[in-house]
Amino acid sequence: MKLWGGRFDKDTDRLMEEFTASIFFDRRLAEEDIAGSMAHCRMLASQGIISPEEAGLILEGLAKIREEIRRGEFTYSAVLEDIHLHVEQRLTEKIGPAGGKLHTARSRNDQVALDMHLYVRKEILAVTSLVATLQQVILEVAGAHLDVIMPGYTHLQRAQPVLFSHHLLAYFWMLARDRERFLDAYKRADWMPLGAGALAGTTFPVDREMVAAELGFARLYENSLDAVSDRDFVAEFLSAAALLMVHLSRFSEDLILWSSSEFAFVTLDDAFTTGSSMMPQKKNPDIPELVRGKAGRVLGSLVAVLTMLKGLPLAYNKDMQEDKEGLFDTVDTLKICLMLYSAMLRTVKINAAQMYAAASGDFASATDLADYLVRQGLPFREAHAVVGRLVGSCVNSGRRLSELTPEELREASPLLGAEALLLLAPEACVAARRARGGTAREAVEEQLKKAREIMEP
């Protein structure tokens, strides 16, 4: 018997039941649904809408149902559509007609909105905790390799020498912004919709403030139509998740390149790589590759929810059932990617000699030579041209800038003294960039200090 079936003369078509049922994914909202129902029940009793005895029966029944679910003993069926009807039906089976009074002054529309708010709040805290763990791992690895020099890149071409720790800390700050975004999104998830009814509120004298206080909400929705139709907080969570996965995907691309034979900057631990069924020598960076691939799933979920919402009139529409699967998949994807990334990064081996060789084996210090000329009074554009011609000459002769003679320097510009050659070592290039946010060791140490400070509770 459908709990909403009073006005219907026919049974629901079986294919229709399967198509519209959400129980096989929204059952993960069971804890939130029962917590919300308990708070609603206590409020109904407090307001005299149900008796204390009925409230006691309902609360005891809900607690037993929660234990059944936790023990894996609860039975699910497409006939009952969603987690809300499952809990209500089981409650009535357990305690009799009093179970039917739980839904007084409530609709599934504001009930599911409440469940989603509770769920998103909980998962924001879980995800930000995992992000913080990854940030701590980055700080550990960066702090342990403060003197390692590598080439920095633009256009995937060697650009200027940087400290490896400086490069790594760029991802720390990306993750810091990600964590801020999630915590800011928490503010919108922290609105309480229950009491909005189906769309217009309720005729019963409910105490919405009481429910909000019990469930720890900071604010109430002030408009019942908005309360049941709002999924901004879901889209906002998915937006923050999409940016987080974009950052992890970029990090993954670095690690994939660095672990290749062509770069050989890092070696990923055997525990976090796989081999080939055909080629015995292979060691594949599966975690970074899969994280890079799974970013697409999360981006797709964001687009799906925004597309679902964009054409909906107020208030609730069945389309909004599509807010859940993408959200649940995103939560699962974020958690496993963050956990594996922290574990993998802790065990990565840094090949410092290979990084240094790459930083010193090209023309990455050319800018420092141009800066030297600027300090001698030459306009930067002219200095740029002088050094560019020297680079071209070295390319043609198969040499490095550091292999130029003092005579060749003076021939290129009378302002180029022999001491300019001392600026071309990777150590000198790194050490010269002492400004805040730069790659000199003292600047990176200050950056590490600031990073550790923002991680303090």
Protein backbone atom coordinates (compact mmCIF):
# COMPACT_ATOMS: atom_id res chain seq x y z
CA MET A 1 0.00 0.00 0.00
CA LYS A 2 1.51 3.31 -1.10
CA LEU A 3 1.61 5.81 1.73
CA TRP A 4 0.42 8.43 -0.77
CA GLY A 5 -1.98 6.17 -2.68
CA GLY A 6 -5.37 7.27 -1.32
CA ARG A 7 -6.57 9.02 -4.48
CA PHE A 8 -5.29 6.41 -6.95
CA ASP A 9 -7.42 3.58 -8.41
CA LYS A 10 -4.64 1.63 -10.12
CA ASP A 11 -1.41 0.07 -8.95
CA THR A 12 1.76 1.76 -10.13
CA ASP A 13 3.28 0.21 -13.23
CA ARG A 14 6.26 -1.93 -12.21
CA LEU A 15 8.64 -0.27 -14.69
CA MET A 16 7.42 3.12 -13.45
CA GLU A 17 8.21 2.05 -9.87
CA GLU A 18 11.74 1.05 -10.78
CA PHE A 19 12.31 4.21 -12.82
CA THR A 20 11.15 6.62 -10.12
CA ALA A 21 12.51 4.80 -7.07
CA SER A 22 15.52 6.38 -5.40
CA ILE A 23 15.89 3.94 -2.50
CA PHE A 24 18.86 2.12 -3.97
CA PHE A 25 20.97 5.26 -3.70
CA ASP A 26 19.21 7.53 -1.20
CA ARG A 27 19.29 4.86 1.50
CA ARG A 28 22.69 6.27 2.45
CA LEU A 29 20.70 9.17 3.91
CA ALA A 30 19.17 6.86 6.54
CA GLU A 31 21.13 8.26 9.48
CA GLU A 32 20.23 11.83 8.51
CA ASP A 33 16.60 10.88 7.89
CA ILE A 34 16.23 9.29 11.32
CA ALA A 35 18.05 12.14 13.10
CA GLY A 36 15.74 14.64 11.42
CA SER A 37 12.68 12.57 12.25
CA MET A 38 13.67 12.33 15.90
CA ALA A 39 14.10 16.09 16.14
CA HIS A 40 10.76 16.60 14.39
CA CYS A 41 9.06 14.15 16.75
CA ARG A 42 10.36 15.90 19.87
CA MET A 43 9.16 19.22 18.49
CA LEU A 44 5.68 17.82 17.75
CA ALA A 45 5.42 16.61 21.34
CA SER A 46 6.76 19.87 22.75
CA GLN A 47 4.10 21.78 20.79
CA GLY A 48 1.31 19.45 21.89
CA ILE A 49 0.71 18.24 18.34
CA ILE A 50 1.27 14.62 19.43
CA SER A 51 1.17 13.21 22.94
CA PRO A 52 4.29 12.46 25.01
CA GLU A 53 3.35 8.77 24.92
CA GLU A 54 3.15 8.77 21.13
CA ALA A 55 6.46 10.60 20.93
CA GLY A 56 8.06 8.00 23.20
CA LEU A 57 6.84 5.16 20.99
CA ILE A 58 8.03 6.92 17.85
CA LEU A 59 11.49 7.71 19.22
CA GLU A 60 11.97 4.16 20.50
CA GLY A 61 10.86 2.76 17.17
CA LEU A 62 13.18 5.05 15.20
CA ALA A 63 16.12 4.04 17.39
CA LYS A 64 15.41 0.36 16.71
CA ILE A 65 15.12 0.99 12.97
CA ARG A 66 18.45 2.81 13.02
CA GLU A 67 20.05 -0.24 14.64
CA GLU A 68 18.49 -2.54 12.04
CA ILE A 69 19.98 -0.40 9.30
CA ARG A 70 23.40 -0.27 10.95
CA ARG A 71 23.42 -4.06 11.35
CA GLY A 72 22.45 -4.54 7.69
CA GLU A 73 19.14 -6.19 8.60
CA PHE A 74 16.83 -3.63 6.98
CA THR A 75 14.95 -4.67 3.82
CA TYR A 76 14.68 -2.27 0.89
CA SER A 77 12.18 -2.38 -1.97
CA ALA A 78 11.48 -0.22 -5.02
CA VAL A 79 7.79 -0.33 -4.07
CA LEU A 80 8.43 2.11 -1.22
CA GLU A 81 10.41 4.47 -3.47
CA ASP A 82 12.76 6.22 -1.04
CA ILE A 83 14.35 6.11 2.39
CA HIS A 84 11.66 8.33 3.90
CA LEU A 85 8.80 5.97 3.06
CA HIS A 86 10.86 2.95 4.10
CA VAL A 87 11.47 4.36 7.56
CA GLU A 88 7.88 5.47 8.00
CA GLN A 89 6.45 2.13 6.85
CA ARG A 90 8.79 0.18 9.12
CA LEU A 91 7.95 2.47 12.03
CA THR A 92 4.24 1.80 11.60
CA GLU A 93 4.92 -1.93 11.45
CA LYS A 94 6.79 -1.70 14.73
CA ILE A 95 4.60 0.61 16.81
CA GLY A 96 1.25 0.66 15.05
CA PRO A 97 -0.90 3.72 14.13
CA ALA A 98 1.25 6.10 16.18
CA GLY A 99 3.90 5.71 13.50
CA GLY A 100 1.65 7.48 11.03
CA LYS A 101 1.62 10.60 13.21
CA LEU A 102 5.35 11.26 12.67
CA HIS A 103 4.67 12.84 9.29
CA THR A 104 2.33 15.45 10.78
CA ALA A 105 3.34 18.98 9.72
CA ARG A 106 5.96 17.59 7.35
CA SER A 107 6.27 16.74 3.65
CA ARG A 108 8.79 14.57 1.92
CA ASN A 109 9.82 17.78 0.16
CA ASP A 110 11.12 19.52 3.28
CA GLN A 111 12.19 16.17 4.75
CA VAL A 112 14.54 15.32 1.89
CA ALA A 113 15.83 18.89 1.86
CA LEU A 114 16.69 18.50 5.54
CA ASP A 115 18.41 15.16 4.93
CA MET A 116 20.52 16.66 2.16
CA HIS A 117 21.55 19.61 4.30
CA LEU A 118 22.59 17.29 7.12
CA TYR A 119 24.48 15.05 4.71
CA VAL A 120 26.34 17.86 2.94
CA ARG A 121 27.33 19.46 6.26
CA LYS A 122 28.73 16.15 7.49
CA GLU A 123 30.65 15.43 4.30
CA ILE A 124 32.13 18.93 4.11
CA LEU A 125 33.76 18.31 7.48
CA ALA A 126 34.98 14.87 6.39
CA VAL A 127 36.44 16.15 3.11
CA THR A 128 38.15 19.19 4.66
CA SER A 129 39.76 16.92 7.23
CA LEU A 130 41.22 14.79 4.44
CA VAL A 131 42.38 17.90 2.57
CA ALA A 132 44.14 19.07 5.74
CA THR A 133 45.89 15.70 6.03
CA LEU A 134 47.21 16.01 2.48
CA GLN A 135 48.38 19.54 3.21
CA GLN A 136 50.31 18.25 6.24
CA VAL A 137 51.97 15.59 4.09
CA ILE A 138 52.99 18.24 1.56
CA LEU A 139 54.54 20.28 4.36
CA GLU A 140 56.45 17.23 5.61
CA VAL A 141 57.86 16.40 2.17
CA ALA A 142 58.68 20.03 1.37
CA GLY A 143 60.39 20.56 4.72
CA ALA A 144 62.49 17.44 4.26
CA HIS A 145 63.81 18.55 0.83
CA LEU A 146 64.50 22.25 1.30
CA ASP A 147 67.74 22.34 -0.69
CA VAL A 148 66.64 20.30 -3.71
CA ILE A 149 66.78 22.37 -6.90
CA MET A 150 64.75 21.55 -9.99
CA PRO A 151 63.78 23.34 -13.19
CA GLY A 152 60.55 25.31 -13.08
CA TYR A 153 58.52 25.13 -16.27
CA THR A 154 56.29 27.24 -18.47
CA HIS A 155 54.76 25.69 -21.60
CA LEU A 156 56.40 22.49 -20.30
CA GLN A 157 59.75 24.04 -21.29
CA ARG A 158 62.48 24.62 -18.72
CA ALA A 159 62.11 28.20 -17.54
CA GLN A 160 63.96 29.05 -14.31
CA PRO A 161 65.48 27.01 -11.46
CA VAL A 162 63.28 26.70 -8.37
CA LEU A 163 63.40 24.78 -5.14
CA PHE A 164 61.44 21.52 -5.30
CA SER A 165 59.86 22.50 -1.99
CA HIS A 166 58.65 25.75 -3.58
CA HIS A 167 57.02 23.84 -6.41
CA LEU A 168 55.38 21.43 -3.98
CA LEU A 169 54.07 24.23 -1.78
CA ALA A 170 52.15 25.67 -4.72
CA TYR A 171 49.80 22.72 -4.29
CA PHE A 172 49.58 23.37 -0.56
CA TRP A 173 48.14 26.82 -1.25
CA MET A 174 45.74 25.48 -3.87
CA LEU A 175 44.46 23.02 -1.29
CA ALA A 176 44.23 25.81 1.28
CA ARG A 177 41.86 27.67 -1.02
CA ASP A 178 39.92 24.45 -1.59
CA ARG A 179 39.49 23.98 2.13
CA GLU A 180 38.32 27.58 2.50
CA ARG A 181 35.80 27.07 -0.29
CA PHE A 182 34.32 23.98 1.36
CA LEU A 183 34.12 25.67 4.75
CA ASP A 184 32.47 28.68 3.16
CA ALA A 185 29.99 26.35 1.42
CA TYR A 186 29.21 24.92 4.86
CA LYS A 187 27.54 28.24 5.71
CA ARG A 188 24.89 27.68 3.02
CA ALA A 189 24.48 24.02 3.93
CA ASP A 190 23.84 25.18 7.51
CA TRP A 191 20.30 26.43 6.76
CA MET A 192 17.34 24.46 8.16
CA PRO A 193 14.40 23.83 5.75
CA LEU A 194 12.09 21.67 7.87
CA GLY A 195 8.74 23.30 8.53
CA ALA A 196 8.35 24.43 4.92
CA GLY A 197 5.98 21.53 4.25
CA ALA A 198 5.41 20.66 0.61
CA LEU A 199 5.89 24.29 -0.47
CA ALA A 200 3.66 26.66 1.50
CA GLY A 201 4.44 25.94 5.14
CA THR A 202 2.14 24.14 7.57
CA THR A 203 -1.07 24.87 9.44
CA PHE A 204 0.32 23.32 12.64
CA PRO A 205 2.05 25.48 15.30
CA VAL A 206 5.53 24.08 14.68
CA ASP A 207 8.64 25.37 16.43
CA ARG A 208 11.24 25.47 13.67
CA GLU A 209 13.79 27.11 15.97
CA MET A 210 13.63 24.11 18.30
CA VAL A 211 14.38 21.66 15.46
CA ALA A 212 17.20 23.86 14.17
CA ALA A 213 18.76 24.07 17.63
CA GLU A 214 18.61 20.29 18.17
CA LEU A 215 20.19 19.60 14.79
CA GLY A 216 22.77 22.36 15.17
CA PHE A 217 21.68 24.60 12.31
CA ALA A 218 22.78 28.22 12.30
CA ARG A 219 19.90 29.62 10.24
CA LEU A 220 16.35 28.96 9.09
CA TYR A 221 15.03 29.35 5.58
CA GLU A 222 12.72 32.35 5.66
CA ASN A 223 10.71 31.32 2.58
CA SER A 224 9.01 27.94 2.32
CA LEU A 225 9.20 27.84 -1.48
CA ASP A 226 12.93 28.53 -1.35
CA ALA A 227 13.42 25.95 1.39
CA VAL A 228 12.11 22.99 -0.60
CA SER A 229 13.47 24.00 -4.01
CA ASP A 230 16.97 25.14 -3.04
CA ARG A 231 19.85 22.91 -4.09
CA ASP A 232 22.40 25.72 -4.31
CA PHE A 233 24.28 24.15 -1.43
CA VAL A 234 24.63 20.90 -3.40
CA ALA A 235 25.87 22.76 -6.47
CA GLU A 236 28.26 24.76 -4.28
CA PHE A 237 29.68 21.59 -2.74
CA LEU A 238 30.12 20.10 -6.22
CA SER A 239 31.76 23.31 -7.44
CA ALA A 240 34.31 23.22 -4.61
CA ALA A 241 34.80 19.51 -5.30
CA ALA A 242 35.39 20.15 -9.00
CA LEU A 243 38.11 22.71 -8.27
CA LEU A 244 39.73 20.37 -5.76
CA MET A 245 39.80 17.58 -8.34
CA VAL A 246 41.21 19.97 -10.95
CA HIS A 247 44.06 20.76 -8.55
CA LEU A 248 44.68 17.08 -7.82
CA SER A 249 44.60 16.41 -11.55
CA ARG A 250 47.27 19.04 -12.19
CA PHE A 251 49.35 17.59 -9.36
CA SER A 252 48.85 14.18 -10.95
CA GLU A 253 50.12 15.42 -14.29
CA ASP A 254 53.31 16.66 -12.62
CA LEU A 255 53.84 13.33 -10.87
CA ILE A 256 53.17 11.36 -14.04
CA LEU A 257 55.75 13.39 -15.93
CA TRP A 258 58.27 13.41 -13.09
CA SER A 259 58.09 9.63 -12.63
CA SER A 260 58.69 8.94 -16.33
CA SER A 261 62.13 7.85 -17.56
CA GLU A 262 62.38 11.08 -19.52
CA PHE A 263 62.25 13.13 -16.30
CA ALA A 264 63.12 10.63 -13.55
CA PHE A 265 62.65 13.34 -10.90
CA VAL A 266 60.68 11.07 -8.54
CA THR A 267 60.12 7.39 -7.97
CA LEU A 268 56.70 6.27 -6.78
CA ASP A 269 56.63 3.52 -4.18
CA ASP A 270 55.86 -0.01 -5.35
CA ALA A 271 52.83 -0.08 -3.05
CA PHE A 272 51.20 2.67 -5.12
CA THR A 273 52.09 1.56 -8.64
CA THR A 274 51.29 -1.38 -10.91
CA GLY A 275 53.05 -3.29 -13.66
CA SER A 276 52.18 -4.55 -17.09
CA SER A 277 50.77 -8.00 -17.84
CA MET A 278 52.95 -8.07 -20.97
CA MET A 279 55.99 -5.84 -20.37
CA PRO A 280 57.99 -6.94 -17.32
CA GLN A 281 59.89 -3.66 -16.93
CA LYS A 282 56.85 -1.41 -16.54
CA LYS A 283 56.01 0.57 -13.40
CA ASN A 284 52.85 2.57 -13.96
CA PRO A 285 51.68 5.62 -11.95
CA ASP A 286 48.11 4.34 -11.65
CA ILE A 287 47.00 6.54 -8.75
CA PRO A 288 47.88 9.88 -10.40
CA GLU A 289 46.43 8.63 -13.68
CA LEU A 290 43.15 7.54 -12.11
CA VAL A 291 42.86 10.73 -10.07
CA ARG A 292 43.38 12.70 -13.28
CA GLY A 293 40.69 10.60 -14.95
CA LYS A 294 38.22 10.76 -12.06
CA ALA A 295 38.33 14.55 -12.13
CA GLY A 296 36.06 14.27 -15.16
CA ARG A 297 33.42 12.43 -13.15
CA VAL A 298 33.27 15.20 -10.57
CA LEU A 299 33.15 17.95 -13.18
CA GLY A 300 30.36 16.02 -14.89
CA SER A 301 28.34 15.81 -11.67
CA LEU A 302 28.57 19.58 -11.22
CA VAL A 303 27.38 20.21 -14.77
CA ALA A 304 24.56 17.66 -14.36
CA VAL A 305 23.18 19.31 -11.23
CA LEU A 306 23.42 22.84 -12.65
CA THR A 307 21.73 21.68 -15.85
CA MET A 308 19.00 19.94 -13.86
CA LEU A 309 18.30 23.08 -11.81
CA LYS A 310 18.42 25.71 -14.53
CA GLY A 311 14.96 25.10 -15.99
CA LEU A 312 12.94 24.23 -12.89
CA PRO A 313 9.97 26.32 -11.82
CA LEU A 314 9.28 26.64 -8.10
CA ALA A 315 8.92 24.66 -6.01
CA TYR A 316 9.78 20.95 -5.85
CA ASN A 317 10.01 18.86 -9.04
CA LYS A 318 10.89 15.19 -9.47
CA ASP A 319 13.95 16.27 -11.47
CA MET A 320 15.52 17.20 -8.16
CA GLN A 321 15.91 13.52 -7.33
CA GLU A 322 18.88 13.75 -9.72
CA ASP A 323 20.83 15.80 -7.17
CA LYS A 324 21.85 12.71 -5.20
CA GLU A 325 23.75 10.17 -7.27
CA GLY A 326 26.28 12.69 -8.56
CA LEU A 327 26.72 14.10 -5.06
CA PHE A 328 27.22 10.68 -3.48
CA ASP A 329 29.66 9.63 -6.21
CA THR A 330 31.59 12.88 -5.79
CA VAL A 331 31.88 12.40 -2.03
CA ASP A 332 33.19 8.85 -2.52
CA THR A 333 35.60 9.97 -5.25
CA LEU A 334 37.01 12.85 -3.21
CA LYS A 335 37.59 10.71 -0.15
CA ILE A 336 39.43 7.86 -1.86
CA CYS A 337 41.53 10.22 -4.00
CA LEU A 338 42.59 12.30 -0.99
CA MET A 339 43.39 9.27 1.16
CA LEU A 340 45.47 7.61 -1.55
CA TYR A 341 47.26 10.83 -2.42
CA SER A 342 48.38 11.36 1.17
CA ALA A 343 49.61 7.78 1.45
CA MET A 344 51.39 7.89 -1.93
CA LEU A 345 53.07 11.24 -1.33
CA ARG A 346 54.45 10.14 2.03
CA THR A 347 56.42 7.35 0.32
CA VAL A 348 57.60 9.11 -2.86
CA LYS A 349 61.37 9.11 -3.45
CA ILE A 350 62.86 12.42 -4.61
CA ASN A 351 65.72 12.07 -7.10
CA ALA A 352 67.56 15.27 -6.22
CA ALA A 353 70.60 14.68 -8.47
CA GLN A 354 68.42 14.20 -11.54
CA MET A 355 66.47 17.36 -10.76
CA TYR A 356 69.64 19.38 -10.32
CA ALA A 357 71.11 18.06 -13.55
CA ALA A 358 67.99 19.15 -15.41
CA ALA A 359 68.07 22.59 -13.78
CA SER A 360 71.72 23.16 -14.74
CA GLY A 361 71.72 21.53 -18.17
CA ASP A 362 69.78 24.11 -20.14
CA PHE A 363 69.37 27.89 -20.37
CA ALA A 364 67.19 28.29 -17.28
CA SER A 365 69.47 31.00 -15.86
CA ALA A 366 69.21 33.29 -18.92
CA THR A 367 66.87 35.70 -17.14
CA ASP A 368 69.47 36.26 -14.41
CA LEU A 369 71.97 37.33 -17.05
CA ALA A 370 69.44 39.81 -18.44
CA ASP A 371 68.74 41.10 -14.92
CA TYR A 372 72.49 41.62 -14.44
CA LEU A 373 72.56 43.89 -17.51
CA VAL A 374 69.54 45.82 -16.21
CA ARG A 375 71.41 46.48 -12.97
CA GLN A 376 74.25 47.85 -15.11
CA GLY A 377 71.83 50.40 -16.60
CA LEU A 378 70.63 48.68 -19.78
CA PRO A 379 66.86 48.76 -20.45
CA PHE A 380 65.34 45.32 -19.95
CA ARG A 381 64.19 44.91 -23.55
CA GLU A 382 67.72 45.56 -24.80
CA ALA A 383 69.15 43.23 -22.16
CA HIS A 384 66.63 40.57 -23.24
CA ALA A 385 67.84 40.86 -26.84
CA VAL A 386 71.53 40.65 -25.86
CA VAL A 387 71.02 37.48 -23.84
CA GLY A 388 68.74 36.03 -26.50
CA ARG A 389 71.54 36.35 -29.04
CA LEU A 390 73.96 34.67 -26.62
CA VAL A 391 71.51 31.78 -26.15
CA GLY A 392 71.18 31.41 -29.92
CA SER A 393 74.96 31.31 -30.26
CA CYS A 394 75.20 28.63 -27.57
CA VAL A 395 72.49 26.55 -29.22
CA ASN A 396 74.38 26.67 -32.51
CA SER A 397 77.69 25.72 -30.85
CA GLY A 398 76.23 23.11 -28.49
CA ARG A 399 77.31 24.88 -25.31
CA ARG A 400 75.77 26.21 -22.14
CA LEU A 401 75.75 29.85 -21.09
CA SER A 402 78.14 29.00 -18.28
CA GLU A 403 80.67 27.84 -20.88
CA LEU A 404 80.94 31.25 -22.55
CA THR A 405 84.28 33.01 -22.22
CA PRO A 406 84.67 36.52 -20.72
CA GLU A 407 85.64 37.71 -24.19
CA GLU A 408 82.42 36.43 -25.70
CA LEU A 409 80.43 38.15 -22.96
CA ARG A 410 82.14 41.51 -23.58
CA GLU A 411 81.62 41.10 -27.30
CA ALA A 412 77.88 40.66 -26.71
CA SER A 413 77.80 43.76 -24.45
CA PRO A 414 80.57 45.82 -22.84
CA LEU A 415 78.41 45.80 -19.69
CA LEU A 416 78.83 42.04 -19.28
CA GLY A 417 81.72 41.42 -16.90
CA ALA A 418 83.25 38.03 -16.16
CA GLU A 419 81.55 38.05 -12.75
CA ALA A 420 78.21 37.64 -14.56
CA LEU A 421 79.10 33.98 -15.09
CA LEU A 422 78.79 33.45 -11.34
CA LEU A 423 75.09 34.24 -11.59
CA LEU A 424 74.39 31.31 -13.89
CA ALA A 425 74.67 28.48 -11.36
CA PRO A 426 71.22 27.13 -10.34
CA GLU A 427 72.05 27.86 -6.68
CA ALA A 428 72.70 31.51 -7.50
CA CYS A 429 69.49 31.80 -9.54
CA VAL A 430 67.43 30.36 -6.68
CA ALA A 431 69.14 32.36 -3.96
CA ALA A 432 68.60 35.65 -5.83
CA ARG A 433 64.80 35.37 -5.58
CA ARG A 434 64.41 36.42 -1.96
CA ALA A 435 61.22 38.50 -2.28
CA ARG A 436 58.15 37.28 -0.45
CA GLY A 437 56.68 34.35 -2.35
CA GLY A 438 59.96 33.69 -4.15
CA THR A 439 61.99 30.50 -4.39
CA ALA A 440 65.08 31.45 -2.34
CA ARG A 441 65.57 29.22 0.68
CA GLU A 442 64.82 31.97 3.20
CA ALA A 443 61.64 32.91 1.29
CA VAL A 444 60.54 29.26 1.19
CA GLU A 445 61.30 28.87 4.90
CA GLU A 446 59.08 31.88 5.58
CA GLN A 447 56.42 30.37 3.34
CA LEU A 448 56.64 27.10 5.27
CA LYS A 449 56.26 29.00 8.52
CA LYS A 450 53.09 30.73 7.27
CA ALA A 451 51.74 27.43 5.94
CA ARG A 452 52.27 25.69 9.28
CA GLU A 453 50.60 28.57 11.08
CA ILE A 454 47.40 28.32 9.05
CA MET A 455 47.29 24.58 9.77
CA GLU A 456 47.26 25.13 13.52
CA PRO A 457 43.84 24.40 15.08
